[in-house]
Amino acid sequence: METRQHEMEEALTQRLTSSFGDNLDSVTLYGSYVRGTFQRGVSDINALILLNRPDGAQIQRFGGEARRFLRSRRITPLILTRTEFLSSADVFPLEYADIRQTHRTIFGEDPTAALNLQDRNLRHQLEHQLRGNLVSLRQMVLAARGRKRIVRAQLLDWFGPLAAVFRGLVRLAGEETIPGQPRELIDAVNRLYKLEPGPFRKLLELRDNSSIDPVALSWELDQRLSDLSQYVDSLRSTLESGGDG
């Protein structure tokens, strides 16, 4: 497995240096590929590709020359300049905190060491994500019109995006160690925010437990997301008045 990973990483780096030359600043892999939860053929390989300067022609050339390689390896590239990456830490603290926690730089210098992540920005993005998930849930329930099969199918796709929010909630609570396993992550959120096990645990168990009513679960999730949104909103005055961690 390690040999296969090393070969893929070398092949990716070669294609990037061929397309971008000395404009390539660094290549950093992150997400499940590095976290240890990667499933071959199912998970994507996330690659942060930083350039020294924007160059549309180079990006187009890379897309054309590496298209089949990227698709066959399920590589999802995120291409930014180094300046764009560092200056957007206030906009994407949730994603960038994940990258900084679990990553491996395979070319150039590690760019995450220079990130400036602030709790007040994380709080803002978390509230945005929680309220967005709440709106999406209600739209899904409205469209399903009580049909359990449809609600179940859509809820099964929900945990992946929520996991990033859970990691952000754990960070916002001041924890330095973020659990990697889904159940441990949910338990940490419930413990830190003084929540009963309830809906998030049921969401994780939904795939293998046919006795869980997906419609009733959607109502429980609605209340839980609403409560969390309100709580995270209540932290605004503390964090924006200088109480950053």
C-alpha atoms as a PDB file:
ATOM      1  CA  MET A   1       0.000   0.000   0.000  1.00  0.00           C
ATOM      2  CA  GLU A   2       2.787   2.440   0.941  1.00  0.00           C
ATOM      3  CA  THR A   3       4.605   1.667  -2.317  1.00  0.00           C
ATOM      4  CA  ARG A   4       1.449   2.405  -4.311  1.00  0.00           C
ATOM      5  CA  GLN A   5       0.935   5.684  -2.450  1.00  0.00           C
ATOM      6  CA  HIS A   6       4.548   6.710  -3.023  1.00  0.00           C
ATOM      7  CA  GLU A   7       4.245   5.994  -6.753  1.00  0.00           C
ATOM      8  CA  MET A   8       1.022   8.024  -6.992  1.00  0.00           C
ATOM      9  CA  GLU A   9       2.575  10.956  -5.130  1.00  0.00           C
ATOM     10  CA  GLU A  10       5.657  10.925  -7.357  1.00  0.00           C
ATOM     11  CA  ALA A  11       3.501  10.761 -10.503  1.00  0.00           C
ATOM     12  CA  LEU A  12       1.375  13.684  -9.305  1.00  0.00           C
ATOM     13  CA  THR A  13       4.432  15.774  -8.471  1.00  0.00           C
ATOM     14  CA  GLN A  14       5.993  15.048 -11.863  1.00  0.00           C
ATOM     15  CA  ARG A  15       2.858  16.149 -13.704  1.00  0.00           C
ATOM     16  CA  LEU A  16       2.616  19.308 -11.639  1.00  0.00           C
ATOM     17  CA  THR A  17       6.252  20.306 -12.131  1.00  0.00           C
ATOM     18  CA  SER A  18       5.904  19.587 -15.847  1.00  0.00           C
ATOM     19  CA  SER A  19       2.870  21.885 -16.124  1.00  0.00           C
ATOM     20  CA  PHE A  20       3.859  24.682 -13.720  1.00  0.00           C
ATOM     21  CA  GLY A  21       7.665  24.593 -13.616  1.00  0.00           C
ATOM     22  CA  ASP A  22       9.145  27.127 -11.202  1.00  0.00           C
ATOM     23  CA  ASN A  23       5.673  28.583 -10.632  1.00  0.00           C
ATOM     24  CA  LEU A  24       4.837  25.588  -8.411  1.00  0.00           C
ATOM     25  CA  ASP A  25       5.221  26.583  -4.751  1.00  0.00           C
ATOM     26  CA  SER A  26       4.072  23.457  -2.903  1.00  0.00           C
ATOM     27  CA  VAL A  27       1.883  20.348  -3.031  1.00  0.00           C
ATOM     28  CA  THR A  28       0.097  19.205   0.127  1.00  0.00           C
ATOM     29  CA  LEU A  29      -2.166  16.174   0.502  1.00  0.00           C
ATOM     30  CA  TYR A  30      -4.860  16.257   3.174  1.00  0.00           C
ATOM     31  CA  GLY A  31      -8.138  14.694   4.287  1.00  0.00           C
ATOM     32  CA  SER A  32      -8.954  10.994   4.573  1.00  0.00           C
ATOM     33  CA  TYR A  33      -5.913  10.021   2.481  1.00  0.00           C
ATOM     34  CA  VAL A  34      -3.670  11.275   5.283  1.00  0.00           C
ATOM     35  CA  ARG A  35      -6.096  10.846   8.205  1.00  0.00           C
ATOM     36  CA  GLY A  36      -6.214   7.066   7.820  1.00  0.00           C
ATOM     37  CA  THR A  37      -9.896   6.748   6.895  1.00  0.00           C
ATOM     38  CA  PHE A  38      -9.255   6.575   3.128  1.00  0.00           C
ATOM     39  CA  GLN A  39     -11.212   3.919   1.218  1.00  0.00           C
ATOM     40  CA  ARG A  40      -9.675   3.042  -2.136  1.00  0.00           C
ATOM     41  CA  GLY A  41     -12.178   3.469  -4.973  1.00  0.00           C
ATOM     42  CA  VAL A  42     -14.566   5.408  -2.728  1.00  0.00           C
ATOM     43  CA  SER A  43     -12.673   8.302  -1.131  1.00  0.00           C
ATOM     44  CA  ASP A  44     -11.132  11.214  -2.987  1.00  0.00           C
ATOM     45  CA  ILE A  45      -7.506  12.275  -2.604  1.00  0.00           C
ATOM     46  CA  ASN A  46      -7.482  15.971  -1.717  1.00  0.00           C
ATOM     47  CA  ALA A  47      -4.476  17.922  -3.009  1.00  0.00           C
ATOM     48  CA  LEU A  48      -3.710  21.546  -2.150  1.00  0.00           C
ATOM     49  CA  ILE A  49      -1.614  22.935  -5.005  1.00  0.00           C
ATOM     50  CA  LEU A  50      -0.090  26.345  -4.373  1.00  0.00           C
ATOM     51  CA  LEU A  51       1.416  28.517  -7.100  1.00  0.00           C
ATOM     52  CA  ASN A  52       3.636  31.569  -6.856  1.00  0.00           C
ATOM     53  CA  ARG A  53       1.462  33.541  -9.267  1.00  0.00           C
ATOM     54  CA  PRO A  54      -1.844  32.954 -11.070  1.00  0.00           C
ATOM     55  CA  ASP A  55      -1.463  31.545 -14.584  1.00  0.00           C
ATOM     56  CA  GLY A  56      -4.591  30.434 -16.406  1.00  0.00           C
ATOM     57  CA  ALA A  57      -2.668  28.941 -19.317  1.00  0.00           C
ATOM     58  CA  GLN A  58      -0.652  26.684 -17.026  1.00  0.00           C
ATOM     59  CA  ILE A  59      -3.774  25.563 -15.171  1.00  0.00           C
ATOM     60  CA  GLN A  60      -5.477  24.750 -18.469  1.00  0.00           C
ATOM     61  CA  ARG A  61      -2.444  22.767 -19.636  1.00  0.00           C
ATOM     62  CA  PHE A  62      -2.346  20.799 -16.399  1.00  0.00           C
ATOM     63  CA  GLY A  63      -6.061  20.042 -16.705  1.00  0.00           C
ATOM     64  CA  GLY A  64      -5.603  18.722 -20.206  1.00  0.00           C
ATOM     65  CA  GLU A  65      -2.457  16.682 -19.615  1.00  0.00           C
ATOM     66  CA  ALA A  66      -3.437  15.232 -16.233  1.00  0.00           C
ATOM     67  CA  ARG A  67      -7.181  14.758 -16.736  1.00  0.00           C
ATOM     68  CA  ARG A  68      -7.132  10.962 -16.984  1.00  0.00           C
ATOM     69  CA  PHE A  69      -4.588  10.617 -14.194  1.00  0.00           C
ATOM     70  CA  LEU A  70      -6.632  12.785 -11.826  1.00  0.00           C
ATOM     71  CA  ARG A  71      -9.855  10.966 -12.648  1.00  0.00           C
ATOM     72  CA  SER A  72      -8.444   7.446 -12.314  1.00  0.00           C
ATOM     73  CA  ARG A  73      -6.846   8.232  -8.918  1.00  0.00           C
ATOM     74  CA  ARG A  74      -9.865  10.270  -7.736  1.00  0.00           C
ATOM     75  CA  ILE A  75      -7.607  13.273  -7.052  1.00  0.00           C
ATOM     76  CA  THR A  76      -9.429  16.516  -6.274  1.00  0.00           C
ATOM     77  CA  PRO A  77      -7.046  19.463  -6.765  1.00  0.00           C
ATOM     78  CA  LEU A  78      -7.460  22.788  -4.963  1.00  0.00           C
ATOM     79  CA  ILE A  79      -5.315  25.306  -6.862  1.00  0.00           C
ATOM     80  CA  LEU A  80      -4.498  28.661  -5.260  1.00  0.00           C
ATOM     81  CA  THR A  81      -1.545  30.977  -5.093  1.00  0.00           C
ATOM     82  CA  ARG A  82       0.320  30.958  -1.794  1.00  0.00           C
ATOM     83  CA  THR A  83      -0.888  34.506  -1.116  1.00  0.00           C
ATOM     84  CA  GLU A  84      -4.507  33.536  -1.831  1.00  0.00           C
ATOM     85  CA  PHE A  85      -4.270  30.576   0.528  1.00  0.00           C
ATOM     86  CA  LEU A  86      -2.817  32.501   3.449  1.00  0.00           C
ATOM     87  CA  SER A  87      -5.038  35.559   3.023  1.00  0.00           C
ATOM     88  CA  SER A  88      -8.250  33.510   2.871  1.00  0.00           C
ATOM     89  CA  ALA A  89      -7.776  31.884   6.280  1.00  0.00           C
ATOM     90  CA  ASP A  90     -10.432  34.231   7.677  1.00  0.00           C
ATOM     91  CA  VAL A  91     -12.955  33.001   5.083  1.00  0.00           C
ATOM     92  CA  PHE A  92     -12.312  29.240   5.244  1.00  0.00           C
ATOM     93  CA  PRO A  93     -11.084  28.562   8.805  1.00  0.00           C
ATOM     94  CA  LEU A  94     -13.123  25.336   9.020  1.00  0.00           C
ATOM     95  CA  GLU A  95     -11.496  23.781   5.952  1.00  0.00           C
ATOM     96  CA  TYR A  96      -8.035  25.184   6.616  1.00  0.00           C
ATOM     97  CA  ALA A  97      -8.013  23.949  10.227  1.00  0.00           C
ATOM     98  CA  ASP A  98      -8.749  20.469   8.877  1.00  0.00           C
ATOM     99  CA  ILE A  99      -5.885  20.785   6.405  1.00  0.00           C
ATOM    100  CA  ARG A 100      -3.481  22.007   9.078  1.00  0.00           C
ATOM    101  CA  GLN A 101      -4.398  19.178  11.439  1.00  0.00           C
ATOM    102  CA  THR A 102      -4.042  16.311   8.956  1.00  0.00           C
ATOM    103  CA  HIS A 103      -1.768  16.849   5.959  1.00  0.00           C
ATOM    104  CA  ARG A 104       1.480  15.843   4.313  1.00  0.00           C
ATOM    105  CA  THR A 105       3.459  18.208   2.099  1.00  0.00           C
ATOM    106  CA  ILE A 106       5.096  16.230  -0.708  1.00  0.00           C
ATOM    107  CA  PHE A 107       6.678  19.156  -2.576  1.00  0.00           C
ATOM    108  CA  GLY A 108       7.985  22.493  -1.332  1.00  0.00           C
ATOM    109  CA  GLU A 109       7.617  23.934   2.163  1.00  0.00           C
ATOM    110  CA  ASP A 110       4.617  23.204   4.393  1.00  0.00           C
ATOM    111  CA  PRO A 111       2.261  26.170   3.824  1.00  0.00           C
ATOM    112  CA  THR A 112       0.066  25.475   6.867  1.00  0.00           C
ATOM    113  CA  ALA A 113       2.758  26.654   9.278  1.00  0.00           C
ATOM    114  CA  ALA A 114       2.060  30.251   8.228  1.00  0.00           C
ATOM    115  CA  LEU A 115      -1.746  30.066   8.574  1.00  0.00           C
ATOM    116  CA  ASN A 116      -3.378  32.534  10.977  1.00  0.00           C
ATOM    117  CA  LEU A 117      -6.630  30.917  12.134  1.00  0.00           C
ATOM    118  CA  GLN A 118      -8.869  32.840  14.533  1.00  0.00           C
ATOM    119  CA  ASP A 119     -11.714  31.460  16.658  1.00  0.00           C
ATOM    120  CA  ARG A 120     -13.996  34.374  15.785  1.00  0.00           C
ATOM    121  CA  ASN A 121     -13.761  33.464  12.091  1.00  0.00           C
ATOM    122  CA  LEU A 122     -14.310  29.785  12.872  1.00  0.00           C
ATOM    123  CA  ARG A 123     -17.409  30.673  14.904  1.00  0.00           C
ATOM    124  CA  HIS A 124     -18.810  32.717  12.024  1.00  0.00           C
ATOM    125  CA  GLN A 125     -18.295  29.962   9.465  1.00  0.00           C
ATOM    126  CA  LEU A 126     -19.694  27.315  11.805  1.00  0.00           C
ATOM    127  CA  GLU A 127     -22.875  29.305  12.313  1.00  0.00           C
ATOM    128  CA  HIS A 128     -23.160  29.725   8.549  1.00  0.00           C
ATOM    129  CA  GLN A 129     -22.699  25.989   7.977  1.00  0.00           C
ATOM    130  CA  LEU A 130     -25.114  24.962  10.734  1.00  0.00           C
ATOM    131  CA  ARG A 131     -27.850  27.265   9.507  1.00  0.00           C
ATOM    132  CA  GLY A 132     -27.220  26.166   5.925  1.00  0.00           C
ATOM    133  CA  ASN A 133     -27.559  22.512   6.928  1.00  0.00           C
ATOM    134  CA  LEU A 134     -30.759  23.327   8.779  1.00  0.00           C
ATOM    135  CA  VAL A 135     -32.255  24.993   5.704  1.00  0.00           C
ATOM    136  CA  SER A 136     -31.183  22.060   3.488  1.00  0.00           C
ATOM    137  CA  LEU A 137     -32.727  19.571   5.927  1.00  0.00           C
ATOM    138  CA  ARG A 138     -36.053  21.386   5.918  1.00  0.00           C
ATOM    139  CA  GLN A 139     -36.076  21.616   2.132  1.00  0.00           C
ATOM    140  CA  MET A 140     -35.405  17.885   1.940  1.00  0.00           C
ATOM    141  CA  VAL A 141     -38.198  17.058   4.402  1.00  0.00           C
ATOM    142  CA  LEU A 142     -40.581  19.316   2.505  1.00  0.00           C
ATOM    143  CA  ALA A 143     -39.785  17.683  -0.846  1.00  0.00           C
ATOM    144  CA  ALA A 144     -39.947  14.111   0.543  1.00  0.00           C
ATOM    145  CA  ARG A 145     -43.492  14.619   1.869  1.00  0.00           C
ATOM    146  CA  GLY A 146     -43.048  11.978   4.549  1.00  0.00           C
ATOM    147  CA  ARG A 147     -41.769   9.221   2.226  1.00  0.00           C
ATOM    148  CA  LYS A 148     -39.385   7.318   4.475  1.00  0.00           C
ATOM    149  CA  ARG A 149     -37.365   5.717   1.681  1.00  0.00           C
ATOM    150  CA  ILE A 150     -36.470   9.112   0.235  1.00  0.00           C
ATOM    151  CA  VAL A 151     -35.715  10.676   3.613  1.00  0.00           C
ATOM    152  CA  ARG A 152     -33.524   7.725   4.566  1.00  0.00           C
ATOM    153  CA  ALA A 153     -31.548   7.865   1.312  1.00  0.00           C
ATOM    154  CA  GLN A 154     -30.851  11.562   1.683  1.00  0.00           C
ATOM    155  CA  LEU A 155     -29.920  11.358   5.360  1.00  0.00           C
ATOM    156  CA  LEU A 156     -27.380   8.634   4.570  1.00  0.00           C
ATOM    157  CA  ASP A 157     -25.458  11.179   2.478  1.00  0.00           C
ATOM    158  CA  TRP A 158     -25.514  13.718   5.254  1.00  0.00           C
ATOM    159  CA  PHE A 159     -22.852  12.580   7.687  1.00  0.00           C
ATOM    160  CA  GLY A 160     -19.848  13.358   5.468  1.00  0.00           C
ATOM    161  CA  PRO A 161     -20.470  17.120   5.238  1.00  0.00           C
ATOM    162  CA  LEU A 162     -21.531  17.257   8.901  1.00  0.00           C
ATOM    163  CA  ALA A 163     -18.285  15.625  10.043  1.00  0.00           C
ATOM    164  CA  ALA A 164     -16.314  18.747   9.066  1.00  0.00           C
ATOM    165  CA  VAL A 165     -18.736  20.861  11.107  1.00  0.00           C
ATOM    166  CA  PHE A 166     -18.339  18.500  14.078  1.00  0.00           C
ATOM    167  CA  ARG A 167     -14.550  18.856  13.912  1.00  0.00           C
ATOM    168  CA  GLY A 168     -14.965  22.632  13.868  1.00  0.00           C
ATOM    169  CA  LEU A 169     -17.267  22.527  16.893  1.00  0.00           C
ATOM    170  CA  VAL A 170     -14.699  20.497  18.828  1.00  0.00           C
ATOM    171  CA  ARG A 171     -11.985  23.021  17.917  1.00  0.00           C
ATOM    172  CA  LEU A 172     -14.197  25.958  18.891  1.00  0.00           C
ATOM    173  CA  ALA A 173     -14.689  24.366  22.315  1.00  0.00           C
ATOM    174  CA  GLY A 174     -10.926  24.551  22.829  1.00  0.00           C
ATOM    175  CA  GLU A 175      -9.985  20.912  22.284  1.00  0.00           C
ATOM    176  CA  GLU A 176      -6.584  20.367  20.673  1.00  0.00           C
ATOM    177  CA  THR A 177      -7.088  16.689  19.846  1.00  0.00           C
ATOM    178  CA  ILE A 178      -9.802  16.061  17.262  1.00  0.00           C
ATOM    179  CA  PRO A 179     -11.158  12.480  17.177  1.00  0.00           C
ATOM    180  CA  GLY A 180     -10.695  10.749  13.837  1.00  0.00           C
ATOM    181  CA  GLN A 181     -13.415   8.128  14.171  1.00  0.00           C
ATOM    182  CA  PRO A 182     -17.026   9.244  13.530  1.00  0.00           C
ATOM    183  CA  ARG A 183     -18.502   7.838  16.758  1.00  0.00           C
ATOM    184  CA  GLU A 184     -15.776   9.396  18.890  1.00  0.00           C
ATOM    185  CA  LEU A 185     -16.256  12.706  17.078  1.00  0.00           C
ATOM    186  CA  ILE A 186     -20.001  12.709  17.762  1.00  0.00           C
ATOM    187  CA  ASP A 187     -19.426  11.780  21.397  1.00  0.00           C
ATOM    188  CA  ALA A 188     -16.978  14.688  21.738  1.00  0.00           C
ATOM    189  CA  VAL A 189     -19.524  17.166  20.324  1.00  0.00           C
ATOM    190  CA  ASN A 190     -22.244  15.849  22.644  1.00  0.00           C
ATOM    191  CA  ARG A 191     -19.924  16.038  25.665  1.00  0.00           C
ATOM    192  CA  LEU A 192     -18.518  19.490  24.953  1.00  0.00           C
ATOM    193  CA  TYR A 193     -21.898  21.058  24.193  1.00  0.00           C
ATOM    194  CA  LYS A 194     -23.758  19.127  26.904  1.00  0.00           C
ATOM    195  CA  LEU A 195     -26.075  17.337  24.467  1.00  0.00           C
ATOM    196  CA  GLU A 196     -27.854  14.039  24.872  1.00  0.00           C
ATOM    197  CA  PRO A 197     -26.482  11.299  22.489  1.00  0.00           C
ATOM    198  CA  GLY A 198     -29.688  11.369  20.397  1.00  0.00           C
ATOM    199  CA  PRO A 199     -29.915  12.337  16.725  1.00  0.00           C
ATOM    200  CA  PHE A 200     -26.265  12.576  15.651  1.00  0.00           C
ATOM    201  CA  ARG A 201     -25.576   9.068  16.962  1.00  0.00           C
ATOM    202  CA  LYS A 202     -28.751   7.796  15.258  1.00  0.00           C
ATOM    203  CA  LEU A 203     -27.650   9.396  11.993  1.00  0.00           C
ATOM    204  CA  LEU A 204     -24.399   7.438  12.154  1.00  0.00           C
ATOM    205  CA  GLU A 205     -26.294   4.206  12.892  1.00  0.00           C
ATOM    206  CA  LEU A 206     -29.008   4.730  10.270  1.00  0.00           C
ATOM    207  CA  ARG A 207     -27.319   2.666   7.545  1.00  0.00           C
ATOM    208  CA  ASP A 208     -27.217  -0.515   9.639  1.00  0.00           C
ATOM    209  CA  ASN A 209     -30.262  -0.072  11.871  1.00  0.00           C
ATOM    210  CA  SER A 210     -33.543  -0.486  10.005  1.00  0.00           C
ATOM    211  CA  SER A 211     -35.558   0.179  13.183  1.00  0.00           C
ATOM    212  CA  ILE A 212     -34.656   3.891  13.116  1.00  0.00           C
ATOM    213  CA  ASP A 213     -37.497   5.952  11.647  1.00  0.00           C
ATOM    214  CA  PRO A 214     -35.788   8.379   9.210  1.00  0.00           C
ATOM    215  CA  VAL A 215     -38.684  10.864   9.258  1.00  0.00           C
ATOM    216  CA  ALA A 216     -38.701  11.076  13.062  1.00  0.00           C
ATOM    217  CA  LEU A 217     -34.903  11.345  12.975  1.00  0.00           C
ATOM    218  CA  SER A 218     -35.134  14.291  10.576  1.00  0.00           C
ATOM    219  CA  TRP A 219     -37.308  16.110  13.126  1.00  0.00           C
ATOM    220  CA  GLU A 220     -34.795  15.392  15.894  1.00  0.00           C
ATOM    221  CA  LEU A 221     -31.946  16.629  13.704  1.00  0.00           C
ATOM    222  CA  ASP A 222     -33.894  19.787  12.952  1.00  0.00           C
ATOM    223  CA  GLN A 223     -34.147  20.618  16.655  1.00  0.00           C
ATOM    224  CA  ARG A 224     -30.524  19.705  17.378  1.00  0.00           C
ATOM    225  CA  LEU A 225     -29.147  21.828  14.514  1.00  0.00           C
ATOM    226  CA  SER A 226     -31.367  24.723  15.530  1.00  0.00           C
ATOM    227  CA  ASP A 227     -30.135  24.543  19.129  1.00  0.00           C
ATOM    228  CA  LEU A 228     -26.487  24.367  18.047  1.00  0.00           C
ATOM    229  CA  SER A 229     -26.930  27.289  15.646  1.00  0.00           C
ATOM    230  CA  GLN A 230     -28.339  29.424  18.439  1.00  0.00           C
ATOM    231  CA  TYR A 231     -25.555  28.433  20.828  1.00  0.00           C
ATOM    232  CA  VAL A 232     -22.784  29.195  18.335  1.00  0.00           C
ATOM    233  CA  ASP A 233     -24.475  32.530  17.580  1.00  0.00           C
ATOM    234  CA  SER A 234     -24.458  33.341  21.304  1.00  0.00           C
ATOM    235  CA  LEU A 235     -20.634  33.161  21.291  1.00  0.00           C
ATOM    236  CA  ARG A 236     -20.406  36.086  18.861  1.00  0.00           C
ATOM    237  CA  SER A 237     -20.027  38.902  21.386  1.00  0.00           C
ATOM    238  CA  THR A 238     -17.396  37.057  23.431  1.00  0.00           C
ATOM    239  CA  LEU A 239     -15.167  36.124  20.480  1.00  0.00           C
ATOM    240  CA  GLU A 240     -15.561  39.355  18.523  1.00  0.00           C
ATOM    241  CA  SER A 241     -14.732  41.509  21.555  1.00  0.00           C
ATOM    242  CA  GLY A 242     -11.285  39.979  21.927  1.00  0.00           C
ATOM    243  CA  GLY A 243     -11.942  36.612  23.492  1.00  0.00           C
ATOM    244  CA  ASP A 244     -10.197  34.668  20.718  1.00  0.00           C
ATOM    245  CA  GLY A 245      -8.445  31.434  21.567  1.00  0.00           C
END
